[in-house]
Protein backbone atom coordinates (compact mmCIF):
# COMPACT_ATOMS: atom_id res chain seq x y z
CA UNK A 1 0.00 0.00 0.00
CA UNK A 2 1.56 3.28 -1.17
CA UNK A 3 0.23 6.62 0.05
CA UNK A 4 0.77 10.21 -1.09
CA UNK A 5 -0.21 13.57 0.40
CA UNK A 6 -0.51 16.63 -1.85
CA UNK A 7 -0.16 19.73 0.31
CA UNK A 8 1.98 17.87 2.83
CA UNK A 9 3.47 21.05 4.33
CA UNK A 10 0.12 22.73 5.10
CA UNK A 11 -2.12 22.51 8.18
CA UNK A 12 -4.20 19.59 6.94
CA UNK A 13 -1.27 17.75 5.37
CA UNK A 14 0.71 17.82 8.60
CA UNK A 15 -2.36 16.89 10.61
CA UNK A 16 -2.89 13.92 8.27
CA UNK A 17 0.57 12.65 9.22
CA UNK A 18 -0.36 13.02 12.89
CA UNK A 19 -3.49 10.95 12.30
CA UNK A 20 -1.45 8.26 10.51
CA UNK A 21 0.70 8.01 13.63
CA UNK A 22 -2.22 8.08 16.07
CA UNK A 23 -4.15 5.38 14.21
CA UNK A 24 -1.05 3.34 13.33
CA UNK A 25 -2.09 3.62 9.69
CA UNK A 26 0.10 1.20 7.75
CA UNK A 27 1.68 1.75 4.33
CA UNK A 28 4.70 0.56 2.39
CA UNK A 29 5.78 3.85 0.85
CA UNK A 30 4.86 7.46 1.57
CA UNK A 31 5.23 10.34 -0.89
CA UNK A 32 4.96 13.93 0.34
CA UNK A 33 4.12 16.45 -2.36
CA UNK A 34 3.79 20.24 -2.36
CA UNK A 35 4.33 23.34 -4.49
CA UNK A 36 7.64 24.26 -6.04
CA UNK A 37 8.52 26.61 -3.15
CA UNK A 38 8.37 23.69 -0.67
CA UNK A 39 9.98 21.10 -2.94
CA UNK A 40 13.25 19.79 -1.59
CA UNK A 41 12.39 20.52 2.04
CA UNK A 42 12.40 17.57 4.41
CA UNK A 43 9.83 16.27 6.90
CA UNK A 44 10.66 13.59 9.45
CA UNK A 45 7.93 11.05 10.10
CA UNK A 46 8.25 7.80 12.08
CA UNK A 47 12.01 8.31 12.35
CA UNK A 48 12.38 8.55 8.59
CA UNK A 49 13.20 11.68 6.60
CA UNK A 50 11.05 12.40 3.54
CA UNK A 51 11.93 14.94 0.88
CA UNK A 52 9.04 17.01 -0.45
CA UNK A 53 8.42 16.33 -4.14
CA UNK A 54 7.38 19.04 -6.60
CA UNK A 55 3.70 18.79 -7.54
CA UNK A 56 4.43 20.06 -11.06
CA UNK A 57 6.29 16.92 -12.09
CA UNK A 58 5.12 14.37 -9.50
CA UNK A 59 4.15 10.91 -10.86
CA UNK A 60 0.71 10.09 -9.44
CA UNK A 61 0.99 6.43 -10.40
CA UNK A 62 3.35 5.86 -7.46
CA UNK A 63 0.57 5.73 -4.85
CA UNK A 64 -2.59 3.66 -4.44
CA UNK A 65 -4.31 6.45 -2.51
CA UNK A 66 -3.51 10.16 -2.70
CA UNK A 67 -4.77 12.71 -0.19
CA UNK A 68 -5.34 16.17 -1.65
CA UNK A 69 -4.93 18.70 1.18
CA UNK A 70 -4.05 21.78 -0.82
CA UNK A 71 -7.31 23.61 -1.61
CA UNK A 72 -9.82 23.83 -4.43
CA UNK A 73 -7.59 25.38 -7.09
CA UNK A 74 -5.06 22.56 -6.79
CA UNK A 75 -7.83 19.96 -6.82
CA UNK A 76 -9.35 21.55 -9.93
CA UNK A 77 -6.02 21.56 -11.75
CA UNK A 78 -4.61 18.16 -10.76
CA UNK A 79 -7.15 15.78 -9.18
CA UNK A 80 -8.98 14.36 -12.19
CA UNK A 81 -5.76 13.66 -14.03
CA UNK A 82 -4.28 12.13 -10.87
CA UNK A 83 -7.37 9.93 -10.49
CA UNK A 84 -6.43 8.09 -13.69
CA UNK A 85 -3.62 6.49 -11.68
CA UNK A 86 -4.58 6.74 -7.99
CA UNK A 87 -7.66 7.01 -5.79
CA UNK A 88 -8.01 10.65 -4.78
CA UNK A 89 -9.41 11.75 -1.42
CA UNK A 90 -10.00 15.49 -1.77
CA UNK A 91 -10.32 17.80 1.23
CA UNK A 92 -11.42 20.83 -0.79
CA UNK A 93 -14.94 21.86 -1.79
CA UNK A 94 -14.31 21.40 -5.51
CA UNK A 95 -15.86 17.94 -6.01
CA UNK A 96 -18.32 17.82 -3.12
CA UNK A 97 -21.49 18.40 -5.11
CA UNK A 98 -20.39 16.40 -8.17
CA UNK A 99 -23.05 13.67 -8.53
CA UNK A 100 -20.38 11.17 -9.59
CA UNK A 101 -18.21 11.83 -6.52
CA UNK A 102 -19.36 10.41 -3.16
CA UNK A 103 -19.22 12.86 -0.24
CA UNK A 104 -18.31 10.74 2.77
CA UNK A 105 -18.34 10.78 6.55
CA UNK A 106 -17.63 7.08 7.21
CA UNK A 107 -19.76 6.86 10.37
CA UNK A 108 -22.73 8.32 8.48
CA UNK A 109 -22.64 7.09 4.86
CA UNK A 110 -19.53 4.94 4.49
CA UNK A 111 -21.37 2.53 2.17
CA UNK A 112 -21.61 5.31 -0.44
CA UNK A 113 -17.92 4.65 -1.19
CA UNK A 114 -19.25 2.04 -3.62
CA UNK A 115 -20.72 4.87 -5.73
CA UNK A 116 -17.24 6.13 -6.62
CA UNK A 117 -17.09 6.55 -10.42
CA UNK A 118 -14.26 9.01 -11.05
CA UNK A 119 -11.80 7.40 -8.61
CA UNK A 120 -12.38 10.48 -6.42
CA UNK A 121 -13.96 10.75 -2.96
CA UNK A 122 -14.77 14.14 -1.42
CA UNK A 123 -14.29 15.12 2.20
CA UNK A 124 -17.07 17.42 3.50
CA UNK A 125 -16.82 20.90 4.92
CA UNK A 126 -15.54 20.84 8.52
CA UNK A 127 -18.72 22.36 9.96
CA UNK A 128 -20.87 19.85 8.06
CA UNK A 129 -18.82 16.82 9.12
CA UNK A 130 -19.32 17.29 12.85
CA UNK A 131 -22.98 18.19 12.38
CA UNK A 132 -23.97 15.08 10.41
CA UNK A 133 -22.10 12.74 12.75
CA UNK A 134 -24.40 13.96 15.55
CA UNK A 135 -27.53 14.09 13.39
CA UNK A 136 -27.22 10.56 11.95
CA UNK A 137 -28.23 8.50 15.05
CA UNK A 138 -31.11 10.87 15.77
CA UNK A 139 -32.32 10.79 12.18
CA UNK A 140 -32.36 6.99 12.28
CA UNK A 141 -34.60 7.05 15.35
CA UNK A 142 -36.91 10.02 14.95
CA UNK A 143 -36.50 11.21 11.31
CA UNK A 144 -35.27 14.78 11.12
CA UNK A 145 -37.54 17.28 9.42
CA UNK A 146 -35.65 20.56 9.87
CA UNK A 147 -32.37 21.85 11.32
CA UNK A 148 -31.45 25.40 12.34
CA UNK A 149 -27.73 25.76 13.06
CA UNK A 150 -25.52 28.65 14.13
CA UNK A 151 -21.79 27.92 13.93
CA UNK A 152 -18.95 29.41 15.95
CA UNK A 153 -15.96 28.54 13.79
CA UNK A 154 -12.29 28.78 14.70
CA UNK A 155 -9.84 30.67 12.54
CA UNK A 156 -7.96 27.48 11.59
CA UNK A 157 -10.87 26.79 9.23
CA UNK A 158 -9.25 29.41 7.00
CA UNK A 159 -5.73 27.95 7.22
CA UNK A 160 -2.45 28.80 8.93
CA UNK A 161 -2.30 32.48 7.94
CA UNK A 162 -5.55 33.37 9.78
CA UNK A 163 -4.27 31.52 12.86
CA UNK A 164 -1.07 33.56 12.81
CA UNK A 165 -3.06 36.74 12.31
CA UNK A 166 -5.31 36.07 15.31
CA UNK A 167 -2.20 35.74 17.50
CA UNK A 168 -0.67 38.90 16.02
CA UNK A 169 -3.90 40.91 16.34
CA UNK A 170 -4.31 39.81 19.97
CA UNK A 171 -0.82 41.08 20.80
CA UNK A 172 -1.47 44.38 19.00
CA UNK A 173 -4.80 44.87 20.76
CA UNK A 174 -3.31 44.25 24.20
CA UNK A 175 -0.50 46.69 23.39
CA UNK A 176 -3.03 49.32 22.27
CA UNK A 177 -1.68 49.40 18.73
CA UNK A 178 -3.55 49.81 15.45
CA UNK A 179 -4.91 46.64 13.81
CA UNK A 180 -5.22 46.23 10.04
CA UNK A 181 -6.93 42.96 9.06
CA UNK A 182 -5.37 40.91 6.27
CA UNK A 183 -7.25 37.61 6.24
CA UNK A 184 -10.52 38.80 7.76
CA UNK A 185 -13.13 41.38 6.73
CA UNK A 186 -12.95 42.98 10.18
CA UNK A 187 -10.78 42.73 13.29
CA UNK A 188 -10.98 39.17 14.66
CA UNK A 189 -9.16 39.64 17.99
CA UNK A 190 -11.73 40.15 20.79
CA UNK A 191 -14.45 40.21 18.14
CA UNK A 192 -16.69 37.89 16.10
CA UNK A 193 -17.46 38.10 12.38
CA UNK A 194 -20.83 36.84 11.01
CA UNK A 195 -19.34 36.11 7.61
CA UNK A 196 -17.40 33.10 6.28
CA UNK A 197 -16.67 32.75 2.55
CA UNK A 198 -18.27 34.85 -0.20
CA UNK A 199 -21.84 36.11 -0.28
CA UNK A 200 -24.46 34.67 -2.61
CA UNK A 201 -27.19 36.85 -4.16
CA UNK A 202 -29.76 35.72 -1.57
CA UNK A 203 -27.65 37.01 1.33
CA UNK A 204 -26.36 33.64 2.52
CA UNK A 205 -22.64 32.95 2.42
CA UNK A 206 -21.03 30.09 0.55
CA UNK A 207 -20.13 28.45 3.88
CA UNK A 208 -23.80 28.44 4.91
CA UNK A 209 -24.90 27.02 1.58
CA UNK A 210 -22.24 24.29 1.84
CA UNK A 211 -23.82 23.14 5.10
CA UNK A 212 -27.26 22.98 3.50
CA UNK A 213 -26.23 21.15 0.33
CA UNK A 214 -23.69 18.81 1.90
CA UNK A 215 -26.01 17.72 4.74
CA UNK A 216 -28.65 16.85 2.17
CA UNK A 217 -26.18 14.86 0.06
CA UNK A 218 -24.63 12.99 2.98
CA UNK A 219 -27.65 12.35 5.17
CA UNK A 220 -31.03 12.91 3.52
CA UNK A 221 -32.13 15.21 0.72
CA UNK A 222 -35.48 15.76 2.45
CA UNK A 223 -33.97 17.48 5.50
CA UNK A 224 -34.50 21.24 5.49
CA UNK A 225 -31.58 23.18 6.95
CA UNK A 226 -30.76 26.82 7.50
CA UNK A 227 -27.42 28.07 8.81
CA UNK A 228 -25.63 31.16 10.08
CA UNK A 229 -21.84 30.77 10.07
CA UNK A 230 -19.73 32.94 12.36
CA UNK A 231 -15.95 33.25 12.72
CA UNK A 232 -14.75 33.57 16.32
CA UNK A 233 -11.32 34.32 17.88
CA UNK A 234 -10.49 30.69 18.69
CA UNK A 235 -7.52 28.88 17.12
CA UNK A 236 -8.92 25.34 16.73
CA UNK A 237 -12.30 23.57 17.02
CA UNK A 238 -15.70 24.58 15.71
CA UNK A 239 -18.81 24.87 17.87
CA UNK A 240 -22.45 24.69 16.76
CA UNK A 241 -25.75 25.57 18.40
CA UNK A 242 -28.31 23.29 16.75
CA UNK A 243 -32.10 23.17 16.82
CA UNK A 244 -33.58 19.97 15.39
CA UNK A 245 -37.23 19.37 14.52
CA UNK A 246 -38.22 15.70 14.24
CA UNK A 247 -41.15 14.14 12.43
CA UNK A 248 -41.73 11.79 15.38
CA UNK A 249 -42.00 12.39 19.14
CA UNK A 250 -38.76 11.80 21.06
CA UNK A 251 -37.59 11.55 24.65
CA UNK A 252 -34.34 12.88 26.05
CA UNK A 253 -33.16 9.55 27.44
CA UNK A 254 -33.34 7.92 24.02
CA UNK A 255 -31.56 10.91 22.50
CA UNK A 256 -28.70 10.71 25.01
CA UNK A 257 -28.38 6.94 24.63
CA UNK A 258 -28.36 7.14 20.83
CA UNK A 259 -25.65 9.81 20.81
CA UNK A 260 -23.55 8.09 23.48
CA UNK A 261 -23.63 4.83 21.53
CA UNK A 262 -22.92 6.41 18.14
CA UNK A 263 -19.39 5.96 16.77
CA UNK A 264 -17.42 9.16 17.09
CA UNK A 265 -19.83 10.87 19.50
CA UNK A 266 -19.37 11.61 23.21
CA UNK A 267 -22.09 13.17 25.37
CA UNK A 268 -20.94 15.62 28.06
CA UNK A 269 -24.16 17.02 29.41
CA UNK A 270 -24.10 17.73 33.13
CA UNK A 271 -26.50 20.48 34.09
CA UNK A 272 -23.99 22.28 36.23
CA UNK A 273 -21.22 24.85 35.88
CA UNK A 274 -18.65 23.52 33.41
CA UNK A 275 -20.71 20.42 32.60
CA UNK A 276 -20.35 20.89 28.84
CA UNK A 277 -17.67 20.82 26.19
CA UNK A 278 -15.86 23.85 24.75
CA UNK A 279 -13.31 24.22 21.92
CA UNK A 280 -10.37 23.88 24.32
CA UNK A 281 -11.44 20.39 25.41
CA UNK A 282 -12.21 19.25 21.87
CA UNK A 283 -8.87 20.34 20.38
CA UNK A 284 -6.69 17.34 19.62
CA UNK A 285 -9.52 14.86 20.17
CA UNK A 286 -11.06 12.59 17.52
CA UNK A 287 -14.52 12.70 19.07
CA UNK A 288 -17.45 15.01 18.42
CA UNK A 289 -18.79 16.27 21.74
CA UNK A 290 -22.49 16.91 22.37
CA UNK A 291 -23.71 19.03 25.28
CA UNK A 292 -26.68 21.17 26.41
CA UNK A 293 -29.25 18.56 25.32
CA UNK A 294 -32.69 19.96 26.06
CA UNK A 295 -36.24 20.22 24.78
CA UNK A 296 -37.29 23.16 22.65
CA UNK A 297 -40.41 24.17 24.55
CA UNK A 298 -41.61 26.45 21.75
CA UNK A 299 -42.03 23.75 19.12
CA UNK A 300 -43.33 20.16 19.44
CA UNK A 301 -40.83 17.39 18.57
CA UNK A 302 -37.92 19.85 18.64
CA UNK A 303 -34.58 19.63 20.45
CA UNK A 304 -31.58 21.86 21.18
CA UNK A 305 -27.94 20.68 21.14
CA UNK A 306 -24.44 22.12 21.46
CA UNK A 307 -21.80 20.37 19.31
CA UNK A 308 -18.02 20.87 19.45
CA UNK A 309 -15.30 19.15 17.42
CA UNK A 310 -11.71 19.69 16.28
CA UNK A 311 -12.19 20.98 12.73
CA UNK A 312 -8.67 20.04 11.60
CA UNK A 313 -9.32 16.44 12.64
CA UNK A 314 -13.00 15.55 12.23
CA UNK A 315 -13.57 18.03 9.43
CA UNK A 316 -10.38 17.29 7.53
CA UNK A 317 -7.45 14.98 8.34
CA UNK A 318 -9.17 12.39 10.54
CA UNK A 319 -12.19 12.08 8.27
CA UNK A 320 -10.02 11.70 5.16
CA UNK A 321 -7.91 8.95 6.78
CA UNK A 322 -11.11 7.17 7.86
CA UNK A 323 -12.28 7.43 4.24
CA UNK A 324 -9.03 5.74 3.18
CA UNK A 325 -9.62 2.98 5.74
CA UNK A 326 -13.15 2.50 4.39
CA UNK A 327 -11.85 2.28 0.81
CA UNK A 328 -9.24 -0.30 1.83
CA UNK A 329 -11.80 -2.40 3.74
CA UNK A 330 -14.14 -2.34 0.74
CA UNK A 331 -11.36 -3.78 -1.45
CA UNK A 332 -11.57 -0.91 -3.95
CA UNK A 333 -7.81 -0.32 -4.11
CA UNK A 334 -6.01 -1.76 -7.10
CA UNK A 335 -2.70 -3.38 -6.27
CA UNK A 336 0.52 -1.67 -7.28
């Protein structure tokens, strides 16, 4: 089994290597690929030094599975050609709504891997991934009719540069110096910004529309969903306040049991000070944490939840490695 990572020097590429180590993911050969400016640099992994190969002239036939962790423009330019010689797992948004490309969260719709036609599998948006992993067990029991979600997304969702800028802006603010935003539309330090990605004509942002469309594709096209996506001054982990309307009556005990028993979910719901999860606790953890489980007393068959998960793991590196594991288990990898 030979593995490659395109974008190996970025946030998600490096996090993918961490997940390999954590899960003891086995391979025979590993190829680390990046842009020309990173080519020739070296990364040490499992006591072995790997030299970064130049994407421009990299031979995609060397690996059985190739992780694309370098953004939509790179996926658009290279992925389909690469997929002639390797299975591509793409972390960008480029292929997510392609009807011939399965959009996978293994705990939710892992069997859809069999629908792979282009030799490409898409990884969902980070805010969608943690949402559907919590919705799935509840949908199976009570059938979800409608979801209203407000996200509180960390700056790492935008990459390393926004993370660095949050740190820099925080220092400037505390020193009383002027702040000029580079990666954000407004100051992010000690502030929140109700805007992620570009605006559509109807006033929603692309990030909000991703959540709508991807949830429908992954879970159920009949679910109605509306979202407000907000960027907050947190380095890692996304949080979501979720209101769910079911078609059937529910009870809280069944909800808690279903979530506690669902793969990838952990319920932390003590009705006391600190009896809930926050981004700090979720960072570095594989699990999706669910807290503040309570009835919506304004609407029959409705429920409120608080969901927190490490976006670099669940929404990117961890999910993509679990996709690879699902592909391998389904015997869809050609031998090399």
